[in-house]
Protein backbone atom coordinates (compact mmCIF):
# COMPACT_ATOMS: atom_id res chain seq x y z
CA MET A 1 23.68 -23.68 24.80
CA PRO A 2 26.78 -24.91 22.36
CA ASN A 3 28.65 -21.44 23.38
CA ALA A 4 27.99 -21.70 26.92
CA MET A 5 31.54 -23.13 27.86
CA PRO A 6 35.05 -21.41 27.54
CA ALA A 7 36.89 -22.46 24.28
CA SER A 8 40.00 -23.08 26.89
CA VAL A 9 38.19 -25.29 28.94
CA ILE A 10 36.78 -27.06 25.70
CA ALA A 11 40.69 -27.29 24.74
CA ASP A 12 41.47 -28.74 27.60
CA LEU A 13 39.22 -31.66 27.70
CA ARG A 14 40.31 -35.23 26.81
CA PHE A 15 37.78 -37.89 26.12
CA ILE A 16 39.03 -41.48 26.53
CA GLY A 17 37.68 -44.45 25.31
CA LEU A 18 39.03 -48.00 26.59
CA GLU A 19 38.72 -51.49 24.99
CA SER A 20 40.24 -54.94 26.64
CA ALA A 21 40.72 -58.18 24.94
CA SER A 22 43.29 -61.07 25.05
CA VAL A 23 46.71 -60.60 23.30
CA LYS A 24 45.59 -63.90 21.61
CA SER A 25 42.74 -62.84 19.85
CA LEU A 26 44.44 -60.59 17.64
CA SER A 27 44.61 -61.35 14.12
CA GLY A 28 48.25 -61.45 14.09
CA PHE A 29 48.87 -63.99 17.20
CA ASN A 30 49.98 -67.23 16.00
CA LYS A 31 49.44 -69.88 18.71
CA LYS A 32 52.06 -72.04 16.98
CA ARG A 33 54.79 -69.44 17.49
CA HIS A 34 53.78 -67.06 19.82
CA THR A 35 53.41 -66.95 23.89
CA LEU A 36 51.12 -64.37 26.16
CA PRO A 37 53.56 -61.87 27.61
CA ASP A 38 53.85 -62.61 31.23
CA SER A 39 54.64 -58.60 31.93
CA ALA A 40 54.33 -55.38 30.47
CA ASN A 41 57.79 -53.51 29.61
CA ALA A 42 59.22 -52.16 26.44
CA THR A 43 60.10 -55.46 24.68
CA THR A 44 56.54 -57.01 25.00
CA ASN A 45 54.81 -53.91 24.23
CA ALA A 46 57.02 -53.85 21.18
CA PHE A 47 55.89 -57.16 20.27
CA LEU A 48 52.45 -56.04 20.77
CA ALA A 49 52.74 -53.65 18.38
CA ARG A 50 53.34 -55.84 15.60
CA LEU A 51 50.88 -58.26 15.90
CA CYS A 52 48.02 -55.20 16.48
CA ALA A 53 49.51 -53.51 13.39
CA PRO A 54 46.85 -54.66 11.03
CA GLU A 55 44.06 -53.87 13.31
CA LEU A 56 45.58 -50.63 14.04
CA ALA A 57 45.69 -49.43 10.56
CA GLU A 58 42.40 -51.04 9.89
CA ARG A 59 40.75 -48.93 12.75
CA GLY A 60 42.36 -45.88 12.00
CA GLU A 61 41.11 -45.62 7.98
CA ALA A 62 37.96 -46.37 9.07
CA LEU A 63 37.73 -43.99 11.78
CA PHE A 64 39.34 -41.42 8.91
CA GLN A 65 36.61 -42.19 6.51
CA ALA A 66 34.20 -41.72 9.05
CA VAL A 67 35.08 -38.20 10.55
CA ARG A 68 35.74 -37.26 6.21
CA GLU A 69 32.35 -38.27 5.29
CA ALA A 70 30.48 -36.90 8.36
CA MET A 71 32.19 -33.13 8.65
CA GLY A 72 32.43 -33.09 5.32
CA TYR A 73 36.56 -32.34 5.53
CA LYS A 74 38.97 -31.72 2.44
CA ARG A 75 42.09 -33.12 2.14
CA ARG A 76 44.15 -30.55 3.71
CA GLU A 77 41.89 -30.57 7.03
CA VAL A 78 42.33 -34.32 8.10
CA SER A 79 45.10 -36.71 7.83
CA LEU A 80 46.20 -39.52 9.61
CA SER A 81 49.74 -41.03 10.79
CA ILE A 82 50.27 -44.49 11.95
CA ASP A 83 53.47 -45.60 13.92
CA ALA A 84 53.09 -49.12 13.48
CA ASP A 85 56.21 -49.92 15.77
CA GLY A 86 54.84 -47.76 18.19
CA GLY A 87 51.04 -49.06 18.31
CA LEU A 88 50.17 -45.51 17.68
CA ALA A 89 47.74 -43.87 15.13
CA ARG A 90 47.18 -40.18 14.87
CA LEU A 91 44.24 -38.48 13.21
CA SER A 92 44.46 -34.74 12.75
CA ALA A 93 41.56 -32.82 11.87
CA ARG A 94 41.14 -29.05 11.32
CA ASP A 95 38.73 -29.07 14.63
CA PHE A 96 40.37 -31.76 16.90
CA SER A 97 43.20 -34.57 17.08
CA LEU A 98 42.32 -38.16 17.61
CA GLU A 99 44.64 -40.89 19.04
CA LEU A 100 44.54 -44.89 18.70
CA PHE A 101 47.08 -46.37 20.84
CA TYR A 102 47.88 -50.04 22.18
CA GLU A 103 49.21 -51.21 24.98
CA LEU A 104 49.59 -54.11 27.58
CA GLU A 105 47.30 -53.92 30.77
CA PRO A 106 50.14 -53.70 33.50
CA SER A 107 48.22 -56.16 35.68
CA SER A 108 47.33 -58.77 32.90
CA PRO A 109 49.46 -58.34 30.40
CA GLU A 110 48.00 -61.25 28.82
CA PHE A 111 45.05 -58.86 27.98
CA TYR A 112 45.88 -55.55 25.70
CA LEU A 113 44.29 -52.23 25.88
CA PHE A 114 42.97 -50.36 23.17
CA ARG A 115 42.76 -46.48 23.96
CA GLN A 116 41.23 -43.96 21.94
CA THR A 117 41.43 -40.24 22.84
CA LEU A 118 39.89 -37.28 21.64
CA LEU A 119 41.40 -33.82 22.52
CA ASP A 120 41.96 -30.70 21.38
CA ALA A 121 38.63 -29.74 20.41
CA LYS A 122 38.59 -26.65 19.03
CA THR A 123 34.94 -25.16 19.66
CA SER A 124 31.78 -25.92 21.84
CA GLU A 125 30.17 -26.39 18.35
CA LEU A 126 31.77 -29.22 17.13
CA LEU A 127 31.11 -31.28 20.39
CA HIS A 128 27.34 -30.31 20.03
CA ASN A 129 27.64 -31.59 16.16
CA ALA A 130 24.84 -34.31 15.53
CA ALA A 131 27.20 -36.04 12.58
CA PHE A 132 30.21 -35.73 14.67
CA ASN A 133 28.74 -37.35 18.02
CA GLU A 134 27.19 -40.00 15.64
CA VAL A 135 30.85 -41.21 14.49
CA PHE A 136 31.81 -41.45 18.48
CA ALA A 137 28.33 -42.78 19.52
CA GLY A 138 28.87 -45.04 22.80
CA THR A 139 32.86 -44.68 22.46
CA PHE A 140 34.28 -42.44 25.66
CA SER A 141 33.82 -43.73 29.39
CA GLU A 142 36.06 -41.41 30.52
CA LEU A 143 36.56 -37.30 30.41
CA SER A 144 39.86 -35.38 31.84
CA PHE A 145 40.15 -32.22 32.73
CA THR A 146 43.62 -30.99 32.93
CA LEU A 147 44.40 -28.34 35.90
CA GLN A 148 46.82 -26.38 34.54
CA LYS A 149 47.91 -24.59 37.52
CA GLY A 150 47.12 -27.81 39.89
CA VAL A 151 45.75 -28.08 43.27
CA GLN A 152 46.22 -29.19 46.38
CA VAL A 153 44.24 -31.99 47.03
CA GLU A 154 43.80 -31.30 50.69
CA ALA A 155 42.23 -27.67 49.77
CA VAL A 156 39.55 -29.70 47.52
CA ILE A 157 38.54 -31.70 50.09
CA ASP A 158 38.38 -28.74 52.40
CA ALA A 159 36.18 -26.89 50.19
CA VAL A 160 33.75 -29.36 49.67
CA GLU A 161 33.27 -30.12 53.40
CA GLY A 162 33.44 -26.31 54.02
CA LEU A 163 30.06 -26.29 52.36
CA ASP A 164 28.39 -27.85 55.54
CA GLU A 165 30.11 -25.23 57.69
CA VAL A 166 28.32 -22.35 56.32
CA GLY A 167 24.99 -24.15 56.38
CA ASN A 168 24.69 -25.45 53.06
CA ALA A 169 24.69 -29.41 54.00
CA ALA A 170 21.01 -30.25 53.51
CA HIS A 171 21.77 -28.20 49.93
CA SER A 172 25.02 -29.11 48.98
CA PRO A 173 25.04 -31.52 45.91
CA LEU A 174 29.03 -32.44 46.71
CA ARG A 175 29.89 -35.12 49.10
CA VAL A 176 33.31 -35.98 49.13
CA THR A 177 35.45 -39.11 49.89
CA TYR A 178 39.34 -39.77 50.79
CA PRO A 179 42.34 -41.88 51.99
CA SER A 180 43.98 -40.84 55.00
CA ASP A 181 46.97 -39.70 52.94
CA CYS A 182 44.60 -37.28 50.84
CA SER A 183 46.65 -38.09 47.89
CA VAL A 184 43.18 -38.36 45.90
CA CYS A 185 39.87 -37.38 46.37
CA GLU A 186 36.48 -38.53 44.98
CA ILE A 187 33.54 -36.16 44.68
CA ALA A 188 29.92 -37.45 44.12
CA VAL A 189 27.87 -34.85 42.76
CA ALA A 190 23.87 -35.23 42.72
CA GLY A 191 22.41 -36.35 39.45
CA VAL A 192 25.63 -37.16 37.71
CA GLU A 193 26.11 -40.79 37.81
CA ALA A 194 30.10 -40.17 36.83
CA ARG A 195 32.49 -40.24 39.55
CA VAL A 196 34.58 -37.44 39.74
CA ARG A 197 37.98 -37.66 40.90
CA CYS A 198 40.75 -35.06 41.71
CA THR A 199 44.43 -36.17 41.54
CA GLY A 200 46.10 -32.52 41.96
CA ALA A 201 46.61 -32.35 38.23
CA SER A 202 43.27 -33.18 37.00
CA ILE A 203 39.87 -33.65 37.31
CA ASP A 204 38.57 -36.96 36.10
CA MET A 205 35.41 -38.32 35.52
CA ILE A 206 34.79 -41.83 35.11
CA PHE A 207 30.95 -43.00 33.60
CA PRO A 208 29.57 -46.29 34.21
CA ARG A 209 28.66 -46.72 30.38
CA ALA A 210 30.42 -45.61 27.13
CA GLY A 211 28.84 -42.48 25.54
CA SER A 212 29.21 -39.94 22.86
CA PRO A 213 31.44 -36.61 23.25
CA LEU A 214 28.22 -34.67 23.70
CA GLU A 215 26.86 -36.99 26.59
CA LEU A 216 30.40 -36.79 28.86
CA LEU A 217 30.28 -32.83 27.92
CA GLN A 218 26.75 -32.55 29.54
CA GLU A 219 27.61 -34.40 32.58
CA PHE A 220 30.90 -32.25 32.84
CA ALA A 221 28.64 -29.22 32.31
CA ALA A 222 26.70 -30.24 35.44
CA VAL A 223 29.52 -30.88 37.56
CA ARG A 224 30.78 -27.44 36.62
CA SER A 225 27.45 -25.80 37.56
CA ALA A 226 27.48 -27.62 41.03
CA PHE A 227 31.32 -26.77 41.53
CA SER A 228 30.02 -22.99 41.76
CA LEU A 229 29.07 -23.06 45.37
CA SER A 230 32.73 -22.78 46.01
CA GLU A 231 34.90 -20.32 44.87
CA LEU A 232 37.85 -22.84 44.90
CA LEU A 233 36.12 -25.43 43.11
CA ARG A 234 34.78 -23.38 40.61
CA GLY A 235 37.95 -21.62 39.49
CA LEU A 236 39.60 -25.26 38.67
CA VAL A 237 37.01 -25.92 35.93
CA GLU A 238 36.91 -22.43 34.23
């Protein structure tokens, strides 16, 4: 049901879509005048911002028009701002915000990342809206839920492993893996394809394929349901 998830939870969700391509594929890259970056820093990212300015403006305008038409927004209900020098565009709508951002890949600076982040959704109804999901079909492959108070990763690990101690091992849909320093942990949830990672500051879901906001939301709902087995885990996603 659209109203099953609290507005406070919806507001803290970030839907992230990533695309990667070679810097030289950008229309502004001139093979005779430009060289590919060999590191990612403020200077080379400023160079990237200049190169991608036409693509950023085009993508931003296309999404502005698509969202305006799909949601029936009036002029005062949706706007687009572009920071060409920073490689950033922001679409601000009555019901949500969307950020578009270009940056160099730190480990492979000859490639860039184009990141779309849907955030500040006001209602669950928005994320269930068919027209809205059509605009963003196949866009997002990560979902991040901010933990407002944070949590010790060790406590999350203990909570999952503690389900075994109370005789739920055969029935628990949760399994956890983690490095020796317990800096992060990954929770496998039965029936959920996404990898569920806890960093202490957020719960992140990494999906094997990109989908619409609703598709990611449904998987997050399954994780919330599984987390209800533990008081600590349930408290994280309420």
